[in-house]
Each structure stands twice: as C-alpha cells, then as structure tokens.
Amino acid sequence: MSEYNLTGFHSTLGYLKAQASPQVQAQAAAGVIERLIPDKARLFHVTVDPKLGPVGKHTFKVLKEDGQITVNIVGTSGVAAVWGFHHYLKYYCFCHVSWDSDQLAVPEDLPPVNITVVSADRFHYYQNVCTTSYSFVWWDWPRWRREIDWMALNGINLALAFTGQEAIWQRVYSKLNLTQEDISEHFSGPAFLAWLRMGNIRAFGGPLPDSWHTQSLALQHRILQHMRNLGIIPVLPAFAGHVPRAFKRLYPDTPMTLMVDWNNFSDEYCCPYLLEPTSPLFRTVGSMFISELIAEFGTDHIYSCDTFNEMTPHNSSATYLSQVSSNIFLAITDVDPSAV
C-alpha cells in the first residue's frame, strides 16, 4: 500500500480495529478450535500478528509441511486466524460447519498446506436488525457463543450487538421523568423488540419484567467480550428518534409527530412519537442514551439505527431527511467524537 493510501486509511477507518491484544485474540481463537474439534485441537497452533498482511486487510497464513504434526495458523486478528482454520477444514480436510450441524471427520493424518489468503475488503459485515427478533431473542449464552464462533469461522469482523438496550432505555426514560407505567406501556414483549426499536409498534406482547433487563444486560456483556476477544467489532444501537407516548404529556412544547399505523396494528399497540429532529430534546435524548450505553458496555465506535423501517416519513423532502440523519449522528458524536 502506498504511503498516501496508508495515511488516508489511518486518518479515516484505521482506528476501527480489534482492541484486544494479539495474545488475547490468539487465546480466543484457540478456544474456538477447542470447542469445535476438542480431540484434535492440540494439533493446531494459533498466532496473531497484526503486521502479517497489507494494512486494513485481514490476512491469514496456514502452514503444515510433510512430516510435521502441527498445523501453524497466523492471522492478523483472532477472526483472521479462525477464518484460516475454517478454510483449512473446509478445503483440505473436506469438513463442514453450519448454523445447525457439522461434519467434522478430520483425517487422522492432517494434510500438508502452505497458503496465504488476503481479504478483498476491510469489513465483513453480518446480521439484519430484524433477526434479533426472528432468531436471537430466546438464545442463551452457549447458543450465542456458538454463533460468534461461527462468525469468526466465516471471517466476519463487524456484527450487530443489540442485546440489552431496553435496560439502557429504562434508565434514560426514568431520568427523563417517565413513570414505570409510562415505560411499561411502551416496551413490547421480547419477540417483538426489533419493531419496537424501529418505531413500528409499542407495547405489543409487553411489558418487559425487571428479570428480562437483568439477564439481557449480563448476556450482552458476555456477547461483547467474546466478540472483542476474537477481534470482531460490535455495532451498537443508537437513538432513531422514536419515543414513548408519555413524551407528549411531559414535553408538550416539543414538536413531535405520531408515527403512522404499521401493518394495521390497533392504536393500543401502534404509533409511538417521533421527535422533531431539530428540537433540542432530540439531541438530548440521543446523547443520554449513548452516554448510558457506553458507560455500561464501552464502545468500538460503530452504531446503527433505523428511523423509517417500512414507514413513510411525514415529510419526504431531502432537507427533512437530512436533518433526521444529521441529528442522529450529532447526538452520537456529542458523546463519542470518533463515532461512525
């Protein structure tokens, strides 16, 4: 990479990278191998060397010469090393690892190999915001660990991490003078949280008990630790602009718009408010959420939110939509200036 491109990379996205030490990442990568093939894990030696490949490109090298017993894997991150391990399993040992089942008939004599692979892209992104309710909502820690292991096996280094955010919103809403009744009338049940977060519904299947907040916070901490140890960058949630109906009573002078009915839900379960993006309260709420979120979980500086999921904005002008986007971003960068 030229000096010009190297400088450009570091001044833009260079800081978005694994924060765990190479030793921690190597240990986490070895743990994935141990869980997948415990009887043969000792035959694989993992090293993490961030300088192995081109700057900003995930790279792995897998080497086993004739007569050697051990397969040596070097990766620029824990993810890259596990990706290299999976590449070897798939293309040299003819094994298969999937979401649901595995074929792990690893040969007794491990085949020789000498390959180096460089990723075509800086980020390999995974997940859809709705999948948190389609699939993830009832997962316990062993199932989540299996999924994160699968991410690493497939070279994924950027993934959504949305678990536990309602516990953060509970704190923020309380600080904004909402009562527990106000909050309970807003939160949906666990299976519908994806659409609550995007302003499509409210209250449906709810409320959320305190036990849900407690266990989801604990689960998110484990999810984030495992992702970060492997070198996966978690994408955290941000404020999209939707607020409980109680905001209209508590902040009557703040402009806000009732969201349109989504999929014919009755008024009891539809239509939270959307704060006017230019109002000071919009930025205040967004910044409060990010502050609480980072205080609880830390940050890797990448965030995601969705204001108009399958919804028609009440104002479709480019000016208004730009105001929504820019104020979402400003609410984040007020707290995290390095945010993306």
Protein backbone atom coordinates (compact mmCIF):
# COMPACT_ATOMS: atom_id res chain seq x y z
CA MET A 1 0.00 0.00 0.00
CA SER A 2 1.38 3.41 -0.93
CA GLU A 3 2.29 5.95 1.73
CA TYR A 4 -0.61 8.14 0.54
CA ASN A 5 -3.16 5.35 0.87
CA LEU A 6 -1.71 4.25 4.20
CA THR A 7 -2.09 7.77 5.59
CA GLY A 8 -5.62 8.02 4.20
CA PHE A 9 -6.61 4.72 5.74
CA HIS A 10 -5.36 5.61 9.21
CA SER A 11 -6.98 9.05 9.12
CA THR A 12 -10.40 7.60 8.25
CA LEU A 13 -11.06 4.00 9.28
CA GLY A 14 -7.72 2.91 10.66
CA TYR A 15 -8.87 3.25 14.27
CA LEU A 16 -11.79 0.86 13.70
CA LYS A 17 -10.00 -2.34 14.58
CA ALA A 18 -9.66 -5.01 17.22
CA GLN A 19 -8.72 -3.57 20.60
CA ALA A 20 -7.79 -6.81 22.37
CA SER A 21 -4.10 -7.73 22.47
CA PRO A 22 -2.75 -10.30 19.99
CA GLN A 23 -2.30 -12.72 22.88
CA VAL A 24 -5.94 -12.40 23.97
CA GLN A 25 -7.14 -12.82 20.39
CA ALA A 26 -4.95 -15.89 19.86
CA GLN A 27 -6.29 -17.45 23.05
CA ALA A 28 -9.88 -16.76 21.97
CA ALA A 29 -9.19 -18.25 18.54
CA ALA A 30 -7.71 -21.37 20.13
CA GLY A 31 -10.88 -21.63 22.21
CA VAL A 32 -13.00 -21.79 19.06
CA ILE A 33 -10.86 -24.66 17.77
CA GLU A 34 -11.06 -26.46 21.11
CA ARG A 35 -14.85 -26.27 21.14
CA LEU A 36 -15.14 -27.47 17.55
CA ILE A 37 -12.63 -30.34 17.47
CA PRO A 38 -11.59 -30.98 21.09
CA ASP A 39 -9.80 -34.26 20.29
CA LYS A 40 -7.51 -32.65 17.70
CA ALA A 41 -7.26 -29.06 18.88
CA ARG A 42 -3.72 -29.68 20.17
CA LEU A 43 -2.59 -30.18 16.56
CA PHE A 44 -3.31 -26.54 15.68
CA HIS A 45 -1.11 -23.69 16.85
CA VAL A 46 -2.50 -20.16 16.55
CA THR A 47 -0.60 -16.87 16.48
CA VAL A 48 -1.98 -13.37 15.91
CA ASP A 49 0.31 -10.93 14.12
CA PRO A 50 -1.42 -7.66 13.09
CA LYS A 51 1.50 -6.88 10.74
CA LEU A 52 1.16 -10.08 8.72
CA GLY A 53 -0.71 -8.64 5.73
CA PRO A 54 -1.46 -5.34 4.00
CA VAL A 55 -2.75 -2.55 6.23
CA GLY A 56 -6.52 -2.77 6.61
CA LYS A 57 -6.78 -6.23 5.04
CA HIS A 58 -7.48 -9.33 7.10
CA THR A 59 -4.89 -11.96 6.27
CA PHE A 60 -4.16 -15.50 7.35
CA LYS A 61 -1.38 -17.98 6.66
CA VAL A 62 -1.77 -21.72 7.22
CA LEU A 63 1.33 -23.92 7.09
CA LYS A 64 1.91 -27.64 7.61
CA GLU A 65 4.83 -29.30 5.89
CA ASP A 66 5.20 -33.02 5.20
CA GLY A 67 6.39 -34.81 8.29
CA GLN A 68 5.10 -32.15 10.67
CA ILE A 69 2.34 -32.92 13.15
CA THR A 70 1.19 -29.37 13.91
CA VAL A 71 -0.72 -27.00 11.64
CA ASN A 72 0.52 -23.46 12.23
CA ILE A 73 -2.01 -20.67 11.69
CA VAL A 74 -1.11 -16.99 11.75
CA GLY A 75 -3.75 -14.29 11.36
CA THR A 76 -3.83 -10.53 11.54
CA SER A 77 -6.56 -10.92 14.18
CA GLY A 78 -8.32 -13.65 16.08
CA VAL A 79 -11.03 -13.60 13.43
CA ALA A 80 -8.49 -13.95 10.63
CA ALA A 81 -6.84 -16.90 12.38
CA VAL A 82 -10.16 -18.71 12.93
CA TRP A 83 -11.12 -17.95 9.33
CA GLY A 84 -7.86 -19.58 8.26
CA PHE A 85 -8.58 -22.62 10.42
CA HIS A 86 -12.03 -22.98 8.83
CA HIS A 87 -10.53 -22.58 5.35
CA TYR A 88 -8.20 -25.47 6.10
CA LEU A 89 -11.01 -27.63 7.50
CA LYS A 90 -13.25 -26.95 4.51
CA TYR A 91 -10.87 -27.13 1.57
CA TYR A 92 -8.17 -29.50 2.82
CA CYS A 93 -9.99 -31.75 5.30
CA PHE A 94 -13.36 -31.59 3.48
CA CYS A 95 -15.29 -30.81 6.65
CA HIS A 96 -18.35 -28.61 7.01
CA VAL A 97 -19.54 -26.26 9.76
CA SER A 98 -23.02 -24.74 9.59
CA TRP A 99 -25.51 -22.97 11.86
CA ASP A 100 -27.28 -26.21 12.74
CA SER A 101 -24.93 -29.16 12.33
CA ASP A 102 -21.36 -30.07 11.47
CA GLN A 103 -19.44 -32.72 9.57
CA LEU A 104 -16.09 -32.89 11.31
CA ALA A 105 -14.49 -36.11 10.10
CA VAL A 106 -10.99 -34.65 10.30
CA PRO A 107 -8.38 -37.02 8.77
CA GLU A 108 -6.05 -38.80 11.16
CA ASP A 109 -3.10 -37.55 9.15
CA LEU A 110 -3.64 -33.85 8.61
CA PRO A 111 -2.88 -32.89 5.01
CA PRO A 112 0.04 -30.56 4.24
CA VAL A 113 -0.72 -26.97 3.34
CA ASN A 114 1.05 -23.70 2.62
CA ILE A 115 -1.39 -20.91 1.82
CA THR A 116 -1.77 -17.20 2.47
CA VAL A 117 -5.12 -15.50 1.92
CA VAL A 118 -5.75 -11.75 1.96
CA SER A 119 -9.32 -10.47 2.29
CA ALA A 120 -10.69 -8.36 -0.53
CA ASP A 121 -12.46 -5.98 1.86
CA ARG A 122 -11.76 -4.21 5.13
CA PHE A 123 -15.04 -5.23 6.79
CA HIS A 124 -17.10 -8.42 6.55
CA TYR A 125 -20.49 -7.43 7.99
CA TYR A 126 -23.17 -9.72 9.38
CA GLN A 127 -26.79 -9.59 10.59
CA ASN A 128 -30.08 -7.87 9.95
CA VAL A 129 -31.83 -5.75 12.59
CA CYS A 130 -34.96 -7.92 12.41
CA THR A 131 -33.00 -11.12 13.05
CA THR A 132 -32.75 -10.14 16.71
CA SER A 133 -36.45 -10.98 16.97
CA TYR A 134 -36.66 -13.67 14.30
CA SER A 135 -33.95 -15.84 15.84
CA PHE A 136 -31.78 -14.43 18.60
CA VAL A 137 -34.29 -13.33 21.20
CA TRP A 138 -34.51 -16.62 23.12
CA TRP A 139 -30.85 -17.63 22.82
CA ASP A 140 -28.85 -18.39 25.94
CA TRP A 141 -25.10 -17.88 26.27
CA PRO A 142 -23.99 -21.27 24.81
CA ARG A 143 -26.06 -20.62 21.68
CA TRP A 144 -24.70 -17.09 21.37
CA ARG A 145 -21.13 -18.33 21.80
CA ARG A 146 -21.73 -20.88 19.05
CA GLU A 147 -22.97 -18.08 16.77
CA ILE A 148 -20.00 -15.83 17.49
CA ASP A 149 -17.66 -18.77 16.87
CA TRP A 150 -19.45 -19.28 13.54
CA MET A 151 -18.94 -15.60 12.70
CA ALA A 152 -15.21 -15.94 13.25
CA LEU A 153 -15.05 -19.18 11.25
CA ASN A 154 -16.51 -17.27 8.31
CA GLY A 155 -14.25 -14.24 8.64
CA ILE A 156 -16.94 -11.88 9.93
CA ASN A 157 -15.35 -8.96 11.76
CA LEU A 158 -18.26 -6.50 12.05
CA ALA A 159 -21.60 -7.56 13.56
CA LEU A 160 -24.67 -6.09 15.23
CA ALA A 161 -24.79 -6.33 19.03
CA PHE A 162 -28.23 -5.07 20.06
CA THR A 163 -28.98 -7.20 23.13
CA GLY A 164 -29.78 -5.39 26.38
CA GLN A 165 -30.61 -1.95 25.00
CA GLU A 166 -34.04 -1.81 26.64
CA ALA A 167 -32.34 -1.89 30.04
CA ILE A 168 -30.41 1.20 28.95
CA TRP A 169 -33.60 2.88 27.73
CA GLN A 170 -35.25 2.08 31.07
CA ARG A 171 -32.57 4.20 32.79
CA VAL A 172 -32.80 7.02 30.25
CA TYR A 173 -36.60 7.21 30.36
CA SER A 174 -36.53 7.28 34.16
CA LYS A 175 -34.09 10.20 34.10
CA LEU A 176 -36.46 11.98 31.70
CA ASN A 177 -39.26 11.69 34.30
CA LEU A 178 -41.26 8.86 32.76
CA THR A 179 -43.02 6.67 35.31
CA GLN A 180 -42.73 2.90 35.29
CA GLU A 181 -46.29 2.79 33.97
CA ASP A 182 -45.27 5.08 31.10
CA ILE A 183 -42.35 2.80 30.26
CA SER A 184 -44.37 -0.40 30.57
CA GLU A 185 -46.94 0.99 28.14
CA HIS A 186 -44.14 1.45 25.62
CA PHE A 187 -41.91 -1.65 25.76
CA SER A 188 -43.08 -4.59 23.66
CA GLY A 189 -42.51 -8.21 24.56
CA PRO A 190 -39.13 -9.83 23.77
CA ALA A 191 -40.20 -11.40 20.47
CA PHE A 192 -41.20 -8.01 19.05
CA LEU A 193 -38.33 -5.79 20.17
CA ALA A 194 -36.94 -5.31 16.65
CA TRP A 195 -40.10 -3.50 15.59
CA LEU A 196 -40.37 -1.54 18.84
CA ARG A 197 -36.85 -0.24 18.24
CA MET A 198 -37.74 0.91 14.73
CA GLY A 199 -40.93 2.70 15.75
CA ASN A 200 -43.32 0.25 14.09
CA ILE A 201 -45.14 -0.84 17.26
CA ARG A 202 -45.24 -0.34 21.00
CA ALA A 203 -46.43 -2.42 23.98
CA PHE A 204 -47.37 -5.49 21.90
CA GLY A 205 -46.59 -8.58 23.97
CA GLY A 206 -45.19 -6.42 26.78
CA PRO A 207 -44.28 -5.19 29.26
CA LEU A 208 -40.73 -6.34 30.00
CA PRO A 209 -40.07 -7.59 33.55
CA ASP A 210 -37.02 -6.49 35.52
CA SER A 211 -35.67 -10.03 35.20
CA TRP A 212 -35.51 -9.57 31.42
CA HIS A 213 -33.37 -6.44 31.80
CA THR A 214 -31.07 -8.17 34.28
CA GLN A 215 -30.43 -11.24 32.16
CA SER A 216 -30.14 -9.31 28.88
CA LEU A 217 -27.51 -6.97 30.36
CA ALA A 218 -25.48 -9.92 31.61
CA LEU A 219 -25.83 -11.67 28.25
CA GLN A 220 -24.74 -8.58 26.30
CA HIS A 221 -21.61 -8.28 28.40
CA ARG A 222 -20.66 -11.86 27.50
CA ILE A 223 -21.51 -11.33 23.83
CA LEU A 224 -19.36 -8.21 23.62
CA GLN A 225 -16.44 -9.73 25.49
CA HIS A 226 -16.33 -12.76 23.21
CA MET A 227 -16.66 -10.63 20.07
CA ARG A 228 -13.94 -8.25 21.17
CA ASN A 229 -11.60 -11.03 22.30
CA LEU A 230 -11.82 -12.55 18.82
CA GLY A 231 -11.35 -9.19 17.10
CA ILE A 232 -14.96 -8.80 15.96
CA ILE A 233 -16.10 -5.16 16.08
CA PRO A 234 -19.58 -4.89 17.64
CA VAL A 235 -22.10 -2.47 16.11
CA LEU A 236 -24.09 -0.90 18.95
CA PRO A 237 -27.56 0.71 18.77
CA ALA A 238 -28.24 4.44 18.64
CA PHE A 239 -31.30 6.69 19.08
CA ALA A 240 -33.52 6.66 15.98
CA GLY A 241 -35.90 9.37 17.21
CA HIS A 242 -38.86 7.31 18.45
CA VAL A 243 -40.14 7.94 21.97
CA PRO A 244 -42.99 6.68 24.20
CA ARG A 245 -46.39 8.35 24.04
CA ALA A 246 -45.77 9.83 27.51
CA PHE A 247 -43.33 12.32 25.97
CA LYS A 248 -46.28 14.30 24.63
CA ARG A 249 -47.58 14.80 28.17
CA LEU A 250 -44.19 15.50 29.72
CA TYR A 251 -42.82 17.74 26.96
CA PRO A 252 -45.88 19.43 25.43
CA ASP A 253 -43.87 22.27 23.86
CA THR A 254 -41.54 19.94 21.96
CA PRO A 255 -42.64 19.25 18.37
CA MET A 256 -43.20 15.56 17.67
CA THR A 257 -45.13 13.53 15.13
CA LEU A 258 -47.28 10.48 15.75
CA MET A 259 -45.93 7.65 13.62
CA VAL A 260 -48.31 6.16 11.07
CA ASP A 261 -50.08 2.86 11.64
CA TRP A 262 -47.86 -0.07 10.65
CA ASN A 263 -49.46 -3.30 9.40
CA ASN A 264 -52.88 -2.38 10.81
CA PHE A 265 -51.92 -2.59 14.47
CA SER A 266 -54.57 -1.03 16.70
CA ASP A 267 -53.87 2.25 18.47
CA GLU A 268 -53.11 0.34 21.66
CA TYR A 269 -50.06 -1.18 20.01
CA CYS A 270 -49.04 1.21 17.26
CA CYS A 271 -47.65 4.64 16.69
CA PRO A 272 -45.08 5.99 19.13
CA TYR A 273 -43.98 9.58 18.63
CA LEU A 274 -41.06 10.72 16.51
CA LEU A 275 -39.30 13.76 17.93
CA GLU A 276 -38.71 16.63 15.54
CA PRO A 277 -35.02 16.22 14.67
CA THR A 278 -34.24 19.94 15.02
CA SER A 279 -35.65 20.11 18.56
CA PRO A 280 -33.08 20.27 21.39
CA LEU A 281 -34.78 17.32 23.08
CA PHE A 282 -33.96 15.04 20.13
CA ARG A 283 -30.24 15.54 20.61
CA THR A 284 -30.54 15.40 24.40
CA VAL A 285 -32.31 12.03 24.38
CA GLY A 286 -29.91 10.59 21.83
CA SER A 287 -26.84 11.71 23.75
CA MET A 288 -28.24 10.44 27.06
CA PHE A 289 -28.74 7.01 25.52
CA ILE A 290 -25.23 6.85 24.07
CA SER A 291 -23.74 8.00 27.39
CA GLU A 292 -25.56 5.28 29.33
CA LEU A 293 -24.74 2.70 26.67
CA ILE A 294 -21.01 3.43 26.68
CA ALA A 295 -20.91 3.59 30.48
CA GLU A 296 -22.35 0.07 30.59
CA PHE A 297 -20.71 -1.62 27.61
CA GLY A 298 -17.87 0.53 26.29
CA THR A 299 -17.75 1.20 22.56
CA ASP A 300 -15.93 0.30 19.37
CA HIS A 301 -17.30 3.47 17.72
CA ILE A 302 -19.76 1.98 15.20
CA TYR A 303 -23.52 2.40 15.65
CA SER A 304 -26.75 1.59 13.84
CA CYS A 305 -30.38 2.70 13.97
CA ASP A 306 -33.37 2.78 11.62
CA THR A 307 -35.87 5.64 11.72
CA PHE A 308 -38.15 4.75 8.80
CA ASN A 309 -38.33 0.97 8.60
CA GLU A 310 -41.26 0.23 6.26
CA MET A 311 -42.64 3.64 7.23
CA THR A 312 -43.35 6.69 5.10
CA PRO A 313 -41.87 9.88 6.60
CA HIS A 314 -44.43 12.60 7.26
CA ASN A 315 -42.07 14.87 5.34
CA SER A 316 -40.21 13.29 2.43
CA SER A 317 -38.14 16.31 1.49
CA ALA A 318 -34.41 15.90 1.23
CA THR A 319 -33.99 18.71 3.76
CA TYR A 320 -36.06 16.97 6.43
CA LEU A 321 -34.47 13.55 5.88
CA SER A 322 -31.04 15.15 6.06
CA GLN A 323 -32.00 16.79 9.37
CA VAL A 324 -33.06 13.43 10.79
CA SER A 325 -29.80 11.75 9.78
CA SER A 326 -27.53 14.60 10.83
CA ASN A 327 -29.14 15.00 14.26
CA ILE A 328 -28.97 11.26 14.91
CA PHE A 329 -25.26 11.47 14.14
CA LEU A 330 -24.74 14.64 16.20
CA ALA A 331 -26.41 13.02 19.22
CA ILE A 332 -23.85 10.20 18.97
CA THR A 333 -20.79 12.35 18.33
CA ASP A 334 -21.67 14.65 21.23
CA VAL A 335 -20.61 11.68 23.36
CA ASP A 336 -18.33 9.71 21.03
CA PRO A 337 -16.48 12.04 18.62
CA SER A 338 -14.99 9.01 16.86
CA ALA A 339 -18.39 7.55 16.01
CA VAL A 340 -19.32 6.09 12.64
